Amino acid sequence: AWPAAAAERDPDGNAPLHFAAGCGASPAVVTLLLDACPEAAG
């Protein structure tokens, strides 16, 4: 519904990938977020 949401960052710089990484999201979720916005890993 909103692919670019994977690149949205909060005021601390956190993208959804940061939350997934820090909250134990499943590898499948992490993969989806990386596919949508690979640059968030950096």
PDB file of all heavy atoms in Angstrom:
ATOM      1  N   ALA A   1       0.817  -1.216   0.000  1.00  0.00           N
ATOM      2  CA  ALA A   1       0.000   0.000   0.000  1.00  0.00           C
ATOM      3  C   ALA A   1       0.851   1.268   0.000  1.00  0.00           C
ATOM      4  O   ALA A   1       0.436   2.309  -0.515  1.00  0.00           O
ATOM      5  CB  ALA A   1      -0.932   0.002   1.212  1.00  0.00           C
ATOM      6  N   TRP A   2       2.054   1.192   0.574  1.00  0.00           N
ATOM      7  CA  TRP A   2       2.944   2.367   0.638  1.00  0.00           C
ATOM      8  C   TRP A   2       4.390   1.890   0.678  1.00  0.00           C
ATOM      9  O   TRP A   2       5.015   1.806   1.732  1.00  0.00           O
ATOM     10  CB  TRP A   2       2.622   3.214   1.871  1.00  0.00           C
ATOM     11  CG  TRP A   2       3.407   4.496   1.988  1.00  0.00           C
ATOM     12  CD1 TRP A   2       4.094   5.136   0.993  1.00  0.00           C
ATOM     13  CD2 TRP A   2       3.585   5.288   3.174  1.00  0.00           C
ATOM     14  NE1 TRP A   2       4.690   6.279   1.473  1.00  0.00           N
ATOM     15  CE2 TRP A   2       4.392   6.407   2.804  1.00  0.00           C
ATOM     16  CE3 TRP A   2       3.134   5.168   4.484  1.00  0.00           C
ATOM     17  CZ2 TRP A   2       4.760   7.381   3.725  1.00  0.00           C
ATOM     18  CZ3 TRP A   2       3.505   6.146   5.403  1.00  0.00           C
ATOM     19  CH2 TRP A   2       4.297   7.249   5.034  1.00  0.00           C
ATOM     20  N   PRO A   3       4.970   1.567  -0.476  1.00  0.00           N
ATOM     21  CA  PRO A   3       6.337   1.036  -0.512  1.00  0.00           C
ATOM     22  C   PRO A   3       7.372   1.960   0.117  1.00  0.00           C
ATOM     23  O   PRO A   3       8.311   1.497   0.771  1.00  0.00           O
ATOM     24  CB  PRO A   3       6.592   0.836  -2.003  1.00  0.00           C
ATOM     25  CG  PRO A   3       5.234   0.690  -2.614  1.00  0.00           C
ATOM     26  CD  PRO A   3       4.344   1.585  -1.809  1.00  0.00           C
ATOM     27  N   ALA A   4       7.197   3.263  -0.076  1.00  0.00           N
ATOM     28  CA  ALA A   4       8.186   4.215   0.421  1.00  0.00           C
ATOM     29  C   ALA A   4       8.189   4.343   1.936  1.00  0.00           C
ATOM     30  O   ALA A   4       9.083   4.982   2.509  1.00  0.00           O
ATOM     31  CB  ALA A   4       7.958   5.588  -0.207  1.00  0.00           C
ATOM     32  N   ALA A   5       7.225   3.718   2.596  1.00  0.00           N
ATOM     33  CA  ALA A   5       7.205   3.775   4.063  1.00  0.00           C
ATOM     34  C   ALA A   5       8.452   3.142   4.658  1.00  0.00           C
ATOM     35  O   ALA A   5       8.863   3.482   5.772  1.00  0.00           O
ATOM     36  CB  ALA A   5       5.956   3.079   4.610  1.00  0.00           C
ATOM     37  N   ALA A   6       9.087   2.237   3.924  1.00  0.00           N
ATOM     38  CA  ALA A   6      10.309   1.585   4.420  1.00  0.00           C
ATOM     39  C   ALA A   6      11.455   2.575   4.577  1.00  0.00           C
ATOM     40  O   ALA A   6      12.429   2.308   5.291  1.00  0.00           O
ATOM     41  CB  ALA A   6      10.721   0.457   3.487  1.00  0.00           C
ATOM     42  N   ALA A   7      11.341   3.725   3.911  1.00  0.00           N
ATOM     43  CA  ALA A   7      12.394   4.744   3.976  1.00  0.00           C
ATOM     44  C   ALA A   7      12.039   5.891   4.919  1.00  0.00           C
ATOM     45  O   ALA A   7      12.822   6.837   5.060  1.00  0.00           O
ATOM     46  CB  ALA A   7      12.675   5.300   2.578  1.00  0.00           C
ATOM     47  N   GLU A   8      10.888   5.812   5.566  1.00  0.00           N
ATOM     48  CA  GLU A   8      10.486   6.865   6.499  1.00  0.00           C
ATOM     49  C   GLU A   8      11.314   6.753   7.773  1.00  0.00           C
ATOM     50  O   GLU A   8      11.489   5.658   8.330  1.00  0.00           O
ATOM     51  CB  GLU A   8       9.001   6.739   6.839  1.00  0.00           C
ATOM     52  CG  GLU A   8       8.074   7.114   5.707  1.00  0.00           C
ATOM     53  CD  GLU A   8       8.026   8.615   5.467  1.00  0.00           C
ATOM     54  OE1 GLU A   8       7.789   9.372   6.430  1.00  0.00           O
ATOM     55  OE2 GLU A   8       8.233   9.028   4.311  1.00  0.00           O
ATOM     56  N   ARG A   9      11.814   7.884   8.255  1.00  0.00           N
ATOM     57  CA  ARG A   9      12.656   7.890   9.459  1.00  0.00           C
ATOM     58  C   ARG A   9      12.056   8.807  10.523  1.00  0.00           C
ATOM     59  O   ARG A   9      11.466   9.845  10.197  1.00  0.00           O
ATOM     60  CB  ARG A   9      14.068   8.343   9.113  1.00  0.00           C
ATOM     61  CG  ARG A   9      14.715   7.484   8.037  1.00  0.00           C
ATOM     62  CD  ARG A   9      16.064   8.005   7.585  1.00  0.00           C
ATOM     63  NE  ARG A   9      17.111   7.746   8.571  1.00  0.00           N
ATOM     64  CZ  ARG A   9      18.387   8.090   8.396  1.00  0.00           C
ATOM     65  NH1 ARG A   9      18.745   8.726   7.276  1.00  0.00           N
ATOM     66  NH2 ARG A   9      19.285   7.818   9.319  1.00  0.00           N
ATOM     67  N   ASP A  10      12.203   8.400  11.774  1.00  0.00           N
ATOM     68  CA  ASP A  10      11.715   9.242  12.863  1.00  0.00           C
ATOM     69  C   ASP A  10      12.781  10.284  13.206  1.00  0.00           C
ATOM     70  O   ASP A  10      13.870  10.296  12.606  1.00  0.00           O
ATOM     71  CB  ASP A  10      11.302   8.386  14.069  1.00  0.00           C
ATOM     72  CG  ASP A  10      12.475   7.677  14.739  1.00  0.00           C
ATOM     73  OD1 ASP A  10      13.639   8.050  14.497  1.00  0.00           O
ATOM     74  OD2 ASP A  10      12.215   6.745  15.520  1.00  0.00           O
ATOM     75  N   PRO A  11      12.515  11.191  14.141  1.00  0.00           N
ATOM     76  CA  PRO A  11      13.503  12.242  14.441  1.00  0.00           C
ATOM     77  C   PRO A  11      14.854  11.720  14.925  1.00  0.00           C
ATOM     78  O   PRO A  11      15.863  12.422  14.841  1.00  0.00           O
ATOM     79  CB  PRO A  11      12.800  13.048  15.537  1.00  0.00           C
ATOM     80  CG  PRO A  11      11.341  12.873  15.245  1.00  0.00           C
ATOM     81  CD  PRO A  11      11.217  11.448  14.806  1.00  0.00           C
ATOM     82  N   ASP A  12      14.895  10.470  15.423  1.00  0.00           N
ATOM     83  CA  ASP A  12      16.166   9.877  15.845  1.00  0.00           C
ATOM     84  C   ASP A  12      16.904   9.192  14.701  1.00  0.00           C
ATOM     85  O   ASP A  12      18.008   8.668  14.884  1.00  0.00           O
ATOM     86  CB  ASP A  12      15.929   8.855  16.957  1.00  0.00           C
ATOM     87  CG  ASP A  12      15.470   9.498  18.250  1.00  0.00           C
ATOM     88  OD1 ASP A  12      16.027  10.554  18.612  1.00  0.00           O
ATOM     89  OD2 ASP A  12      14.554   8.959  18.901  1.00  0.00           O
ATOM     90  N   GLY A  13      16.268   9.189  13.528  1.00  0.00           N
ATOM     91  CA  GLY A  13      16.885   8.556  12.366  1.00  0.00           C
ATOM     92  C   GLY A  13      16.470   7.124  12.139  1.00  0.00           C
ATOM     93  O   GLY A  13      16.947   6.468  11.200  1.00  0.00           O
ATOM     94  N   ASN A  14      15.572   6.602  12.970  1.00  0.00           N
ATOM     95  CA  ASN A  14      15.167   5.207  12.848  1.00  0.00           C
ATOM     96  C   ASN A  14      14.195   4.976  11.700  1.00  0.00           C
ATOM     97  O   ASN A  14      13.128   5.597  11.647  1.00  0.00           O
ATOM     98  CB  ASN A  14      14.492   4.734  14.130  1.00  0.00           C
ATOM     99  CG  ASN A  14      15.407   4.796  15.338  1.00  0.00           C
ATOM    100  OD1 ASN A  14      16.498   4.259  15.312  1.00  0.00           O
ATOM    101  ND2 ASN A  14      14.948   5.470  16.387  1.00  0.00           N
ATOM    102  N   ALA A  15      14.564   4.076  10.804  1.00  0.00           N
ATOM    103  CA  ALA A  15      13.638   3.567   9.792  1.00  0.00           C
ATOM    104  C   ALA A  15      12.952   2.331  10.386  1.00  0.00           C
ATOM    105  O   ALA A  15      13.365   1.824  11.434  1.00  0.00           O
ATOM    106  CB  ALA A  15      14.407   3.190   8.528  1.00  0.00           C
ATOM    107  N   PRO A  16      11.929   1.825   9.749  1.00  0.00           N
ATOM    108  CA  PRO A  16      11.327   0.585  10.246  1.00  0.00           C
ATOM    109  C   PRO A  16      12.338  -0.543  10.434  1.00  0.00           C
ATOM    110  O   PRO A  16      12.201  -1.364  11.350  1.00  0.00           O
ATOM    111  CB  PRO A  16      10.286   0.255   9.173  1.00  0.00           C
ATOM    112  CG  PRO A  16       9.851   1.597   8.673  1.00  0.00           C
ATOM    113  CD  PRO A  16      11.118   2.404   8.650  1.00  0.00           C
ATOM    114  N   LEU A  17      13.380  -0.583   9.597  1.00  0.00           N
ATOM    115  CA  LEU A  17      14.389  -1.627   9.727  1.00  0.00           C
ATOM    116  C   LEU A  17      15.091  -1.566  11.080  1.00  0.00           C
ATOM    117  O   LEU A  17      15.424  -2.605  11.664  1.00  0.00           O
ATOM    118  CB  LEU A  17      15.422  -1.507   8.599  1.00  0.00           C
ATOM    119  CG  LEU A  17      16.518  -2.576   8.600  1.00  0.00           C
ATOM    120  CD1 LEU A  17      15.925  -3.971   8.356  1.00  0.00           C
ATOM    121  CD2 LEU A  17      17.577  -2.258   7.540  1.00  0.00           C
ATOM    122  N   HIS A  18      15.336  -0.369  11.597  1.00  0.00           N
ATOM    123  CA  HIS A  18      15.963  -0.248  12.909  1.00  0.00           C
ATOM    124  C   HIS A  18      15.084  -0.892  13.986  1.00  0.00           C
ATOM    125  O   HIS A  18      15.578  -1.591  14.870  1.00  0.00           O
ATOM    126  CB  HIS A  18      16.195   1.224  13.258  1.00  0.00           C
ATOM    127  CG  HIS A  18      17.240   1.889  12.430  1.00  0.00           C
ATOM    128  ND1 HIS A  18      16.984   2.325  11.148  1.00  0.00           N
ATOM    129  CD2 HIS A  18      18.547   2.202  12.686  1.00  0.00           C
ATOM    130  CE1 HIS A  18      18.083   2.894  10.658  1.00  0.00           C
ATOM    131  NE2 HIS A  18      19.045   2.817  11.567  1.00  0.00           N
ATOM    132  N   PHE A  19      13.782  -0.652  13.900  1.00  0.00           N
ATOM    133  CA  PHE A  19      12.872  -1.227  14.883  1.00  0.00           C
ATOM    134  C   PHE A  19      12.818  -2.750  14.748  1.00  0.00           C
ATOM    135  O   PHE A  19      12.784  -3.473  15.739  1.00  0.00           O
ATOM    136  CB  PHE A  19      11.465  -0.644  14.705  1.00  0.00           C
ATOM    137  CG  PHE A  19      11.298   0.746  15.279  1.00  0.00           C
ATOM    138  CD1 PHE A  19      12.381   1.506  15.645  1.00  0.00           C
ATOM    139  CD2 PHE A  19      10.034   1.285  15.451  1.00  0.00           C
ATOM    140  CE1 PHE A  19      12.233   2.777  16.176  1.00  0.00           C
ATOM    141  CE2 PHE A  19       9.861   2.548  15.994  1.00  0.00           C
ATOM    142  CZ  PHE A  19      10.966   3.312  16.349  1.00  0.00           C
ATOM    143  N   ALA A  20      12.800  -3.216  13.519  1.00  0.00           N
ATOM    144  CA  ALA A  20      12.777  -4.664  13.294  1.00  0.00           C
ATOM    145  C   ALA A  20      14.040  -5.309  13.864  1.00  0.00           C
ATOM    146  O   ALA A  20      13.982  -6.363  14.514  1.00  0.00           O
ATOM    147  CB  ALA A  20      12.654  -4.963  11.803  1.00  0.00           C
ATOM    148  N   ALA A  21      15.179  -4.660  13.640  1.00  0.00           N
ATOM    149  CA  ALA A  21      16.450  -5.194  14.120  1.00  0.00           C
ATOM    150  C   ALA A  21      16.508  -5.222  15.640  1.00  0.00           C
ATOM    151  O   ALA A  21      17.013  -6.174  16.238  1.00  0.00           O
ATOM    152  CB  ALA A  21      17.604  -4.360  13.568  1.00  0.00           C
ATOM    153  N   GLY A  22      15.994  -4.189  16.267  1.00  0.00           N
ATOM    154  CA  GLY A  22      16.080  -4.072  17.718  1.00  0.00           C
ATOM    155  C   GLY A  22      14.984  -4.778  18.482  1.00  0.00           C
ATOM    156  O   GLY A  22      15.082  -4.918  19.709  1.00  0.00           O
ATOM    157  N   CYS A  23      13.964  -5.220  17.779  1.00  0.00           N
ATOM    158  CA  CYS A  23      12.824  -5.835  18.464  1.00  0.00           C
ATOM    159  C   CYS A  23      12.621  -7.299  18.095  1.00  0.00           C
ATOM    160  O   CYS A  23      11.564  -7.873  18.362  1.00  0.00           O
ATOM    161  CB  CYS A  23      11.548  -5.044  18.163  1.00  0.00           C
ATOM    162  SG  CYS A  23      11.583  -3.355  18.816  1.00  0.00           S
ATOM    163  N   GLY A  24      13.628  -7.880  17.467  1.00  0.00           N
ATOM    164  CA  GLY A  24      13.552  -9.315  17.191  1.00  0.00           C
ATOM    165  C   GLY A  24      12.551  -9.721  16.142  1.00  0.00           C
ATOM    166  O   GLY A  24      11.988 -10.818  16.210  1.00  0.00           O
ATOM    167  N   ALA A  25      12.316  -8.857  15.172  1.00  0.00           N
ATOM    168  CA  ALA A  25      11.399  -9.223  14.084  1.00  0.00           C
ATOM    169  C   ALA A  25      11.915 -10.461  13.363  1.00  0.00           C
ATOM    170  O   ALA A  25      13.114 -10.741  13.352  1.00  0.00           O
ATOM    171  CB  ALA A  25      11.241  -8.065  13.104  1.00  0.00           C
ATOM    172  N   SER A  26      11.024 -11.180  12.742  1.00  0.00           N
ATOM    173  CA  SER A  26      11.415 -12.404  12.047  1.00  0.00           C
ATOM    174  C   SER A  26      12.322 -12.089  10.863  1.00  0.00           C
ATOM    175  O   SER A  26      12.265 -10.995  10.288  1.00  0.00           O
ATOM    176  CB  SER A  26      10.178 -13.146  11.546  1.00  0.00           C
ATOM    177  OG  SER A  26       9.592 -12.443  10.460  1.00  0.00           O
ATOM    178  N   PRO A  27      13.164 -13.037  10.482  1.00  0.00           N
ATOM    179  CA  PRO A  27      14.003 -12.829   9.294  1.00  0.00           C
ATOM    180  C   PRO A  27      13.181 -12.499   8.051  1.00  0.00           C
ATOM    181  O   PRO A  27      13.640 -11.738   7.185  1.00  0.00           O
ATOM    182  CB  PRO A  27      14.730 -14.169   9.149  1.00  0.00           C
ATOM    183  CG  PRO A  27      14.823 -14.690  10.553  1.00  0.00           C
ATOM    184  CD  PRO A  27      13.519 -14.290  11.189  1.00  0.00           C
ATOM    185  N   ALA A  28      11.982 -13.050   7.947  1.00  0.00           N
ATOM    186  CA  ALA A  28      11.135 -12.758   6.784  1.00  0.00           C
ATOM    187  C   ALA A  28      10.759 -11.285   6.742  1.00  0.00           C
ATOM    188  O   ALA A  28      10.747 -10.658   5.672  1.00  0.00           O
ATOM    189  CB  ALA A  28       9.881 -13.629   6.818  1.00  0.00           C
ATOM    190  N   VAL A  29      10.457 -10.718   7.904  1.00  0.00           N
ATOM    191  CA  VAL A  29      10.125  -9.290   7.973  1.00  0.00           C
ATOM    192  C   VAL A  29      11.356  -8.451   7.645  1.00  0.00           C
ATOM    193  O   VAL A  29      11.277  -7.473   6.891  1.00  0.00           O
ATOM    194  CB  VAL A  29       9.563  -8.925   9.369  1.00  0.00           C
ATOM    195  CG1 VAL A  29       9.539  -7.413   9.571  1.00  0.00           C
ATOM    196  CG2 VAL A  29       8.165  -9.501   9.540  1.00  0.00           C
ATOM    197  N   VAL A  30      12.488  -8.812   8.201  1.00  0.00           N
ATOM    198  CA  VAL A  30      13.730  -8.082   7.922  1.00  0.00           C
ATOM    199  C   VAL A  30      14.037  -8.098   6.424  1.00  0.00           C
ATOM    200  O   VAL A  30      14.404  -7.072   5.839  1.00  0.00           O
ATOM    201  CB  VAL A  30      14.894  -8.692   8.726  1.00  0.00           C
ATOM    202  CG1 VAL A  30      16.238  -8.164   8.233  1.00  0.00           C
ATOM    203  CG2 VAL A  30      14.724  -8.386  10.210  1.00  0.00           C
ATOM    204  N   THR A  31      13.854  -9.240   5.793  1.00  0.00           N
ATOM    205  CA  THR A  31      14.108  -9.351   4.356  1.00  0.00           C
ATOM    206  C   THR A  31      13.175  -8.457   3.553  1.00  0.00           C
ATOM    207  O   THR A  31      13.609  -7.786   2.599  1.00  0.00           O
ATOM    208  CB  THR A  31      13.953 -10.809   3.905  1.00  0.00           C
ATOM    209  OG1 THR A  31      14.931 -11.614   4.579  1.00  0.00           O
ATOM    210  CG2 THR A  31      14.146 -10.950   2.398  1.00  0.00           C
ATOM    211  N   LEU A  32      11.913  -8.419   3.920  1.00  0.00           N
ATOM    212  CA  LEU A  32      10.960  -7.550   3.225  1.00  0.00           C
ATOM    213  C   LEU A  32      11.371  -6.085   3.333  1.00  0.00           C
ATOM    214  O   LEU A  32      11.310  -5.333   2.352  1.00  0.00           O
ATOM    215  CB  LEU A  32       9.562  -7.744   3.803  1.00  0.00           C
ATOM    216  CG  LEU A  32       8.847  -9.042   3.435  1.00  0.00           C
ATOM    217  CD1 LEU A  32       7.603  -9.237   4.309  1.00  0.00           C
ATOM    218  CD2 LEU A  32       8.443  -9.035   1.964  1.00  0.00           C
ATOM    219  N   LEU A  33      11.776  -5.669   4.524  1.00  0.00           N
ATOM    220  CA  LEU A  33      12.172  -4.281   4.721  1.00  0.00           C
ATOM    221  C   LEU A  33      13.455  -3.955   3.960  1.00  0.00           C
ATOM    222  O   LEU A  33      13.591  -2.865   3.395  1.00  0.00           O
ATOM    223  CB  LEU A  33      12.338  -3.999   6.213  1.00  0.00           C
ATOM    224  CG  LEU A  33      11.058  -4.073   7.050  1.00  0.00           C
ATOM    225  CD1 LEU A  33      11.370  -3.936   8.535  1.00  0.00           C
ATOM    226  CD2 LEU A  33      10.069  -2.990   6.626  1.00  0.00           C
ATOM    227  N   LEU A  34      14.395  -4.896   3.930  1.00  0.00           N
ATOM    228  CA  LEU A  34      15.629  -4.677   3.176  1.00  0.00           C
ATOM    229  C   LEU A  34      15.363  -4.619   1.679  1.00  0.00           C
ATOM    230  O   LEU A  34      15.956  -3.797   0.958  1.00  0.00           O
ATOM    231  CB  LEU A  34      16.624  -5.786   3.480  1.00  0.00           C
ATOM    232  CG  LEU A  34      17.385  -5.685   4.799  1.00  0.00           C
ATOM    233  CD1 LEU A  34      18.153  -6.965   5.074  1.00  0.00           C
ATOM    234  CD2 LEU A  34      18.338  -4.485   4.785  1.00  0.00           C
ATOM    235  N   ASP A  35      14.476  -5.469   1.204  1.00  0.00           N
ATOM    236  CA  ASP A  35      14.136  -5.441  -0.223  1.00  0.00           C
ATOM    237  C   ASP A  35      13.509  -4.104  -0.607  1.00  0.00           C
ATOM    238  O   ASP A  35      13.735  -3.594  -1.708  1.00  0.00           O
ATOM    239  CB  ASP A  35      13.164  -6.584  -0.553  1.00  0.00           C
ATOM    240  CG  ASP A  35      13.840  -7.953  -0.547  1.00  0.00           C
ATOM    241  OD1 ASP A  35      15.091  -7.998  -0.538  1.00  0.00           O
ATOM    242  OD2 ASP A  35      13.112  -8.959  -0.538  1.00  0.00           O
ATOM    243  N   ALA A  36      12.715  -3.550   0.306  1.00  0.00           N
ATOM    244  CA  ALA A  36      12.024  -2.290   0.014  1.00  0.00           C
ATOM    245  C   ALA A  36      12.950  -1.083   0.139  1.00  0.00           C
ATOM    246  O   ALA A  36      12.784  -0.090  -0.580  1.00  0.00           O
ATOM    247  CB  ALA A  36      10.826  -2.128   0.960  1.00  0.00           C
ATOM    248  N   CYS A  37      13.924  -1.182   1.044  1.00  0.00           N
ATOM    249  CA  CYS A  37      14.830  -0.040   1.264  1.00  0.00           C
ATOM    250  C   CYS A  37      16.181  -0.546   1.753  1.00  0.00           C
ATOM    251  O   CYS A  37      16.509  -0.449   2.936  1.00  0.00           O
ATOM    252  CB  CYS A  37      14.216   0.933   2.287  1.00  0.00           C
ATOM    253  SG  CYS A  37      15.185   2.441   2.546  1.00  0.00           S
ATOM    254  N   PRO A  38      16.991  -1.104   0.859  1.00  0.00           N
ATOM    255  CA  PRO A  38      18.278  -1.673   1.279  1.00  0.00           C
ATOM    256  C   PRO A  38      19.218  -0.655   1.907  1.00  0.00           C
ATOM    257  O   PRO A  38      20.032  -1.004   2.768  1.00  0.00           O
ATOM    258  CB  PRO A  38      18.851  -2.250  -0.021  1.00  0.00           C
ATOM    259  CG  PRO A  38      18.091  -1.586  -1.125  1.00  0.00           C
ATOM    260  CD  PRO A  38      16.737  -1.276  -0.575  1.00  0.00           C
ATOM    261  N   GLU A  39      19.101   0.601   1.489  1.00  0.00           N
ATOM    262  CA  GLU A  39      20.014   1.618   2.023  1.00  0.00           C
ATOM    263  C   GLU A  39      19.806   1.865   3.513  1.00  0.00           C
ATOM    264  O   GLU A  39      20.699   2.394   4.194  1.00  0.00           O
ATOM    265  CB  GLU A  39      19.881   2.939   1.257  1.00  0.00           C
ATOM    266  CG  GLU A  39      18.488   3.528   1.218  1.00  0.00           C
ATOM    267  CD  GLU A  39      17.678   3.088   0.004  1.00  0.00           C
ATOM    268  OE1 GLU A  39      17.840   1.937  -0.441  1.00  0.00           O
ATOM    269  OE2 GLU A  39      16.880   3.921  -0.475  1.00  0.00           O
ATOM    270  N   ALA A  40      18.642   1.466   4.060  1.00  0.00           N
ATOM    271  CA  ALA A  40      18.385   1.674   5.489  1.00  0.00           C
ATOM    272  C   ALA A  40      19.392   0.928   6.355  1.00  0.00           C
ATOM    273  O   ALA A  40      19.645   1.317   7.499  1.00  0.00           O
ATOM    274  CB  ALA A  40      16.963   1.235   5.845  1.00  0.00           C
ATOM    275  N   ALA A  41      19.990  -0.119   5.814  1.00  0.00           N
ATOM    276  CA  ALA A  41      21.003  -0.862   6.572  1.00  0.00           C
ATOM    277  C   ALA A  41      22.223  -0.003   6.884  1.00  0.00           C
ATOM    278  O   ALA A  41      22.979  -0.299   7.821  1.00  0.00           O
ATOM    279  CB  ALA A  41      21.430  -2.108   5.806  1.00  0.00           C
ATOM    280  N   GLY A  42      22.415   1.061   6.109  1.00  0.00           N
ATOM    281  CA  GLY A  42      23.559   1.948   6.310  1.00  0.00           C
ATOM    282  C   GLY A  42      23.207   3.249   6.996  1.00  0.00           C
ATOM    283  O   GLY A  42      24.047   4.155   7.064  1.00  0.00           O
TER     284      GLY A  42
END
